[in-house]
Amino acid sequence: MSELYPLKFETVLKEKVWGGDALVNRFNKKPYNNNPVGESWEISAISGDQSVISNGFLAGNNIEELIEVYMGDITGDQVYDKFGNEFPLLVKIIEARQDLSIQVHPGDALAKERHNAYGKTEMWFILEAEKGARIYTGLKDGVTRQMYEEAVNDGTLAELLNVENPEPGDTFFTPAGRIHAIGAGTVLAEIQQTSDITYRIFDWNRKSTGSEKRELHTGLALEAVDFRASGKNKIRKYAELNKSVNLVSCEYFNTNILWLGKPVRKEYYNIDSFVIYICTEGEFLIKWDDSSEKVSKGETVLLPAMIKEVTLEPDGEAKLLEVYIE
């Protein structure tokens, strides 16, 4: 019988000027007050925002303390050898009631050189999208560095971006260097490298507090932009009943969608990694050994790498994202 168990965490809610109330009303998050919530940090190793375990005998310990003690039993031996006590992924649920800033993230080499940190490659899985909602992702085909610099200077950058209309179930993959912005009317799950480095290029002339416009990082962004990252980016794959369907596979994470209509046994002997479950619809039980843990819509659970067999049993039907490092 394994000592470890599927781990839940206290979510950290981030108030944002562009946020709303969907995470509280429809994704079971507990608000601090009535201010708009833009992000729920589900699993985080970011300094100052490290996730704290909320269930079982390890409750109250943060994720770094957990890995210090259990090492590869939590993350997988190969993952631990590479990242040590730092958990390598950051998982969020985001609601945009307004357009987010147009931004870009550096890759690993540039982030290490400038910030002694990892870069940020990320993906979005669309949970809700209003009619006419937009995702800004990459440049239009043929945009040059000179065209980009001129548009940044005269405030017309948005006109050079590839724009797509998201629908629930769509996926958008954003490698470091690809310019992007989440458009208004969208709720999504974000899976990314553990990095909080964002270069804000244009913020729709929005004010922060008082009358000051929010800080931009156009100089830093210029060398981070991949001008080859252009064109259509929407990934549309359909969930198949009781089967994992791959959405994104890259060196930083592997993400599947799983639609449960009956108990499904999952075995992870062929991967040396933790597994993250993000419940996007319904609820299900994780069963292992002689124990179980209920997971409801909006909840995220970390399955330690040492647990290699579980059964996922839905209450009727459920959908979840299944994330690990391959």
Protein backbone atom coordinates (compact mmCIF):
# COMPACT_ATOMS: atom_id res chain seq x y z
CA MET A 1 0.00 0.00 0.00
CA SER A 2 1.47 3.36 -1.00
CA GLU A 3 2.00 6.03 1.63
CA LEU A 4 1.28 8.83 -0.83
CA TYR A 5 -2.14 9.62 -2.25
CA PRO A 6 -3.77 11.94 -4.84
CA LEU A 7 -3.09 15.48 -3.64
CA LYS A 8 -5.41 18.47 -3.68
CA PHE A 9 -4.22 22.02 -3.10
CA GLU A 10 -5.58 25.29 -1.78
CA THR A 11 -6.21 27.38 -4.87
CA VAL A 12 -4.80 30.92 -5.03
CA LEU A 13 -7.23 33.38 -6.59
CA LYS A 14 -5.80 36.40 -8.41
CA GLU A 15 -7.91 39.54 -8.66
CA LYS A 16 -7.51 41.11 -12.10
CA VAL A 17 -8.97 44.21 -13.68
CA TRP A 18 -9.98 42.03 -16.64
CA GLY A 19 -11.48 39.21 -14.51
CA GLY A 20 -15.07 38.25 -13.71
CA ASP A 21 -17.19 35.89 -11.61
CA ALA A 22 -17.20 32.65 -13.64
CA LEU A 23 -14.52 30.92 -11.55
CA VAL A 24 -16.58 31.49 -8.40
CA ASN A 25 -20.03 30.84 -9.87
CA ARG A 26 -19.31 27.95 -12.23
CA PHE A 27 -15.95 26.46 -11.21
CA ASN A 28 -16.45 26.20 -7.46
CA LYS A 29 -13.83 28.71 -6.34
CA LYS A 30 -14.27 30.51 -3.01
CA PRO A 31 -13.97 34.31 -3.35
CA TYR A 32 -12.14 36.56 -0.93
CA ASN A 33 -14.53 39.44 -1.69
CA ASN A 34 -16.61 40.71 -4.59
CA ASN A 35 -13.71 41.90 -6.75
CA PRO A 36 -13.32 40.36 -10.24
CA VAL A 37 -11.23 37.17 -10.26
CA GLY A 38 -9.06 36.59 -13.31
CA GLU A 39 -7.01 33.54 -12.37
CA SER A 40 -7.14 30.53 -10.09
CA TRP A 41 -3.66 29.11 -9.56
CA GLU A 42 -4.31 25.39 -9.19
CA ILE A 43 -0.77 24.03 -8.84
CA SER A 44 2.14 26.43 -8.49
CA ALA A 45 5.79 26.37 -7.47
CA ILE A 46 6.24 30.10 -8.14
CA SER A 47 8.03 31.76 -5.21
CA GLY A 48 5.47 33.48 -3.00
CA ASP A 49 2.59 31.52 -4.50
CA GLN A 50 3.58 27.94 -3.77
CA SER A 51 0.64 25.57 -3.60
CA VAL A 52 -0.31 24.23 -0.16
CA ILE A 53 -1.80 20.75 0.20
CA SER A 54 -5.42 20.78 1.40
CA ASN A 55 -6.25 17.08 1.88
CA GLY A 56 -4.91 14.11 3.84
CA PHE A 57 -2.11 13.89 6.39
CA LEU A 58 0.19 16.15 4.35
CA ALA A 59 -2.26 19.10 4.49
CA GLY A 60 -0.52 22.37 5.31
CA ASN A 61 2.76 21.51 3.59
CA ASN A 62 3.64 23.36 0.42
CA ILE A 63 4.67 21.68 -2.80
CA GLU A 64 8.40 22.38 -2.37
CA GLU A 65 8.40 20.88 1.14
CA LEU A 66 6.58 17.87 -0.25
CA ILE A 67 9.17 17.26 -2.99
CA GLU A 68 12.07 17.82 -0.57
CA VAL A 69 10.86 14.82 1.42
CA TYR A 70 9.47 12.51 -1.26
CA MET A 71 11.60 13.56 -4.28
CA GLY A 72 11.06 11.26 -7.26
CA ASP A 73 8.16 9.50 -5.55
CA ILE A 74 6.20 12.70 -6.23
CA THR A 75 7.54 13.92 -9.56
CA GLY A 76 9.22 10.87 -11.08
CA ASP A 77 12.95 10.17 -10.86
CA GLN A 78 13.86 11.70 -14.22
CA VAL A 79 11.78 14.80 -13.54
CA TYR A 80 13.39 15.14 -10.10
CA ASP A 81 16.89 14.76 -11.57
CA LYS A 82 16.18 17.66 -13.92
CA PHE A 83 14.15 20.06 -11.73
CA GLY A 84 15.04 19.11 -8.16
CA ASN A 85 12.59 20.48 -5.59
CA GLU A 86 10.93 22.85 -8.06
CA PHE A 87 7.70 21.48 -9.50
CA PRO A 88 8.03 22.01 -13.28
CA LEU A 89 4.46 22.98 -14.26
CA LEU A 90 2.07 25.79 -13.38
CA VAL A 91 -1.66 25.11 -13.82
CA LYS A 92 -4.27 27.88 -13.88
CA ILE A 93 -7.92 28.43 -14.70
CA ILE A 94 -8.42 31.86 -16.27
CA GLU A 95 -11.47 34.01 -17.00
CA ALA A 96 -11.15 37.01 -19.31
CA ARG A 97 -14.05 39.46 -19.15
CA GLN A 98 -11.87 41.92 -21.06
CA ASP A 99 -9.02 41.36 -23.52
CA LEU A 100 -5.75 40.52 -21.81
CA SER A 101 -2.56 42.30 -22.83
CA ILE A 102 -0.76 41.32 -26.02
CA GLN A 103 2.37 39.63 -24.73
CA VAL A 104 5.18 37.19 -25.38
CA HIS A 105 7.29 34.87 -23.22
CA PRO A 106 11.01 34.16 -23.62
CA GLY A 107 12.38 30.71 -24.28
CA ASP A 108 14.63 28.84 -21.87
CA ALA A 109 17.93 30.26 -23.13
CA LEU A 110 16.86 33.91 -23.06
CA ALA A 111 15.06 33.52 -19.71
CA LYS A 112 18.13 31.92 -18.15
CA GLU A 113 20.41 34.65 -19.50
CA ARG A 114 18.17 37.52 -18.36
CA HIS A 115 16.37 36.17 -15.28
CA ASN A 116 18.12 32.92 -14.29
CA ALA A 117 14.74 31.25 -14.80
CA TYR A 118 12.93 28.90 -17.16
CA GLY A 119 11.13 30.20 -20.22
CA LYS A 120 7.43 29.78 -20.74
CA THR A 121 5.79 27.49 -23.24
CA GLU A 122 2.07 27.10 -22.54
CA MET A 123 -1.23 25.76 -23.81
CA TRP A 124 -4.86 26.78 -23.39
CA PHE A 125 -7.88 24.46 -23.30
CA ILE A 126 -11.10 26.41 -23.86
CA LEU A 127 -13.77 25.75 -21.24
CA GLU A 128 -16.23 28.51 -22.16
CA ALA A 129 -16.37 31.02 -24.99
CA GLU A 130 -19.01 33.62 -25.73
CA LYS A 131 -20.14 34.14 -29.30
CA GLY A 132 -17.60 36.33 -31.06
CA ALA A 133 -14.85 35.73 -28.49
CA ARG A 134 -11.32 35.99 -29.83
CA ILE A 135 -7.95 34.38 -29.26
CA TYR A 136 -4.97 36.36 -30.54
CA THR A 137 -2.23 33.89 -31.41
CA GLY A 138 0.86 34.53 -33.51
CA LEU A 139 1.40 37.03 -36.28
CA LYS A 140 -0.39 37.11 -39.60
CA ASP A 141 1.59 35.42 -42.36
CA GLY A 142 4.21 37.70 -43.86
CA VAL A 143 4.65 40.13 -40.94
CA THR A 144 8.28 41.24 -40.72
CA ARG A 145 10.30 42.59 -37.81
CA GLN A 146 10.17 46.08 -39.33
CA MET A 147 6.37 45.93 -39.69
CA TYR A 148 6.11 44.72 -36.10
CA GLU A 149 8.31 47.53 -34.71
CA GLU A 150 6.34 50.18 -36.61
CA ALA A 151 3.03 48.76 -35.32
CA VAL A 152 4.31 48.67 -31.72
CA ASN A 153 5.34 52.32 -32.00
CA ASP A 154 2.05 53.53 -33.44
CA GLY A 155 -0.27 51.35 -31.31
CA THR A 156 -1.60 49.17 -34.16
CA LEU A 157 -0.03 45.83 -33.20
CA ALA A 158 -3.41 44.08 -32.87
CA GLU A 159 -3.95 44.55 -36.62
CA LEU A 160 -0.93 42.34 -37.35
CA LEU A 161 -2.06 39.39 -35.21
CA ASN A 162 -3.68 36.15 -36.27
CA VAL A 163 -7.16 36.08 -34.68
CA GLU A 164 -9.26 32.95 -34.14
CA ASN A 165 -12.70 32.34 -32.65
CA PRO A 166 -12.52 29.82 -29.82
CA GLU A 167 -15.18 27.26 -28.93
CA PRO A 168 -15.33 24.99 -25.87
CA GLY A 169 -13.03 22.03 -26.45
CA ASP A 170 -10.54 23.95 -28.62
CA THR A 171 -6.84 23.90 -27.76
CA PHE A 172 -4.24 26.59 -28.48
CA PHE A 173 -0.55 25.74 -28.11
CA THR A 174 1.78 28.69 -27.51
CA PRO A 175 5.51 27.93 -27.59
CA ALA A 176 7.81 30.58 -26.14
CA GLY A 177 8.21 33.39 -28.69
CA ARG A 178 4.67 33.26 -30.09
CA ILE A 179 2.83 36.56 -29.50
CA HIS A 180 -0.59 36.01 -27.95
CA ALA A 181 -3.51 37.38 -25.94
CA ILE A 182 -6.64 35.87 -24.44
CA GLY A 183 -9.70 37.71 -25.74
CA ALA A 184 -12.76 38.79 -23.76
CA GLY A 185 -15.53 36.30 -23.06
CA THR A 186 -13.28 33.29 -22.57
CA VAL A 187 -12.68 30.83 -19.72
CA LEU A 188 -9.80 28.39 -20.15
CA ALA A 189 -7.38 26.04 -18.43
CA GLU A 190 -3.73 26.98 -18.86
CA ILE A 191 -0.84 24.54 -18.52
CA GLN A 192 2.65 26.01 -18.69
CA GLN A 193 6.23 25.76 -17.59
CA THR A 194 6.91 27.01 -14.08
CA SER A 195 7.74 30.58 -15.01
CA ASP A 196 6.16 33.95 -14.30
CA ILE A 197 8.07 35.90 -16.96
CA THR A 198 5.76 37.87 -19.23
CA TYR A 199 6.73 40.67 -21.59
CA ARG A 200 3.69 42.92 -22.06
CA ILE A 201 3.78 44.56 -25.49
CA PHE A 202 0.41 46.31 -25.76
CA ASP A 203 -2.38 46.65 -23.18
CA TRP A 204 -5.18 48.39 -25.10
CA ASN A 205 -4.18 51.66 -23.36
CA ARG A 206 -5.70 50.28 -20.16
CA LYS A 207 -5.04 51.99 -16.83
CA SER A 208 -3.82 50.07 -13.78
CA THR A 209 -4.47 51.97 -10.56
CA GLY A 210 -5.26 55.64 -10.82
CA SER A 211 -4.42 57.19 -14.18
CA GLU A 212 -1.18 55.37 -14.99
CA LYS A 213 -1.07 53.03 -17.96
CA ARG A 214 0.22 49.56 -17.16
CA GLU A 215 3.93 48.99 -17.65
CA LEU A 216 5.03 47.67 -21.04
CA HIS A 217 8.17 45.66 -21.86
CA THR A 218 8.52 46.36 -25.57
CA GLY A 219 12.33 46.44 -25.51
CA LEU A 220 12.64 43.11 -23.71
CA ALA A 221 9.96 41.60 -25.95
CA LEU A 222 11.67 42.42 -29.23
CA GLU A 223 14.41 39.79 -28.88
CA ALA A 224 11.92 37.24 -27.52
CA VAL A 225 9.48 37.36 -30.45
CA ASP A 226 9.63 34.49 -32.93
CA PHE A 227 8.68 36.13 -36.23
CA ARG A 228 8.17 32.69 -37.78
CA ALA A 229 5.34 31.93 -35.34
CA SER A 230 2.44 32.92 -37.55
CA GLY A 231 -0.76 31.60 -39.04
CA LYS A 232 -3.60 29.44 -37.74
CA ASN A 233 -3.11 27.74 -34.40
CA LYS A 234 -6.44 26.22 -33.31
CA ILE A 235 -6.30 22.51 -32.44
CA ARG A 236 -9.69 20.83 -32.63
CA LYS A 237 -9.74 17.24 -31.40
CA TYR A 238 -12.85 15.48 -30.15
CA ALA A 239 -12.99 13.55 -26.91
CA GLU A 240 -13.70 9.84 -27.27
CA LEU A 241 -15.69 8.03 -24.60
CA ASN A 242 -13.50 6.27 -22.02
CA LYS A 243 -10.30 6.91 -23.93
CA SER A 244 -7.43 9.42 -23.58
CA VAL A 245 -7.10 11.61 -26.68
CA ASN A 246 -3.87 13.59 -27.01
CA LEU A 247 -4.20 17.37 -27.42
CA VAL A 248 -0.60 18.59 -27.07
CA SER A 249 2.69 16.73 -26.79
CA CYS A 250 5.90 18.71 -26.30
CA GLU A 251 9.09 18.44 -24.28
CA TYR A 252 7.53 20.33 -21.36
CA PHE A 253 4.19 18.56 -20.97
CA ASN A 254 1.83 16.05 -22.51
CA THR A 255 -1.91 16.82 -22.26
CA ASN A 256 -4.82 14.51 -23.04
CA ILE A 257 -8.60 14.93 -22.83
CA LEU A 258 -10.48 12.04 -21.20
CA TRP A 259 -14.28 11.66 -21.34
CA LEU A 260 -15.51 9.20 -18.73
CA GLY A 261 -18.79 7.32 -19.12
CA LYS A 262 -17.86 4.32 -16.99
CA PRO A 263 -15.04 3.36 -14.58
CA VAL A 264 -11.73 3.45 -16.48
CA ARG A 265 -8.56 1.83 -15.19
CA LYS A 266 -5.40 3.84 -15.84
CA GLU A 267 -1.88 2.42 -15.62
CA TYR A 268 1.20 4.65 -15.70
CA TYR A 269 4.05 2.13 -15.62
CA ASN A 270 5.37 3.42 -18.95
CA ILE A 271 5.92 7.01 -17.77
CA ASP A 272 8.29 8.29 -15.09
CA SER A 273 6.19 11.28 -14.12
CA PHE A 274 3.48 12.66 -11.89
CA VAL A 275 0.01 12.97 -13.47
CA ILE A 276 -2.28 15.99 -13.08
CA TYR A 277 -6.06 15.68 -13.46
CA ILE A 278 -8.09 18.84 -14.12
CA CYS A 279 -11.84 18.20 -13.95
CA THR A 280 -13.57 20.30 -16.62
CA GLU A 281 -17.09 18.77 -16.45
CA GLY A 282 -18.98 16.63 -13.95
CA GLU A 283 -17.23 14.78 -11.15
CA PHE A 284 -15.41 11.49 -10.63
CA LEU A 285 -13.71 9.35 -8.02
CA ILE A 286 -10.02 8.46 -8.13
CA LYS A 287 -9.75 4.96 -6.64
CA TRP A 288 -6.42 3.42 -5.60
CA ASP A 289 -5.51 0.69 -3.12
CA ASP A 290 -8.56 0.68 -0.81
CA SER A 291 -9.06 4.45 -0.92
CA SER A 292 -10.83 7.06 -3.04
CA GLU A 293 -10.86 10.82 -3.60
CA LYS A 294 -13.71 12.77 -5.21
CA VAL A 295 -12.84 15.35 -7.85
CA SER A 296 -15.45 17.91 -8.94
CA LYS A 297 -15.66 20.42 -11.80
CA GLY A 298 -12.98 23.07 -11.38
CA GLU A 299 -10.76 20.92 -9.13
CA THR A 300 -7.19 19.88 -9.92
CA VAL A 301 -5.45 16.85 -8.40
CA LEU A 302 -1.81 15.74 -8.46
CA LEU A 303 -1.23 11.98 -8.70
CA PRO A 304 2.26 11.20 -7.32
CA ALA A 305 4.56 9.31 -9.69
CA MET A 306 4.81 6.33 -7.33
CA ILE A 307 1.09 5.56 -7.79
CA LYS A 308 1.01 3.59 -11.02
CA GLU A 309 -2.56 2.24 -11.06
CA VAL A 310 -5.85 4.06 -10.44
CA THR A 311 -9.47 3.68 -11.47
CA LEU A 312 -11.38 6.80 -12.52
CA GLU A 313 -15.09 6.35 -11.79
CA PRO A 314 -17.46 9.09 -13.02
CA ASP A 315 -20.72 10.14 -11.43
CA GLY A 316 -22.67 9.70 -14.66
CA GLU A 317 -20.21 11.35 -17.05
CA ALA A 318 -17.16 13.52 -16.51
CA LYS A 319 -14.43 15.15 -18.57
CA LEU A 320 -10.90 15.85 -17.45
CA LEU A 321 -7.50 16.90 -18.70
CA GLU A 322 -4.71 14.43 -18.02
CA VAL A 323 -1.24 16.04 -17.89
CA TYR A 324 2.23 14.53 -17.43
CA ILE A 325 5.80 14.86 -18.67
CA GLU A 326 6.82 12.22 -21.17
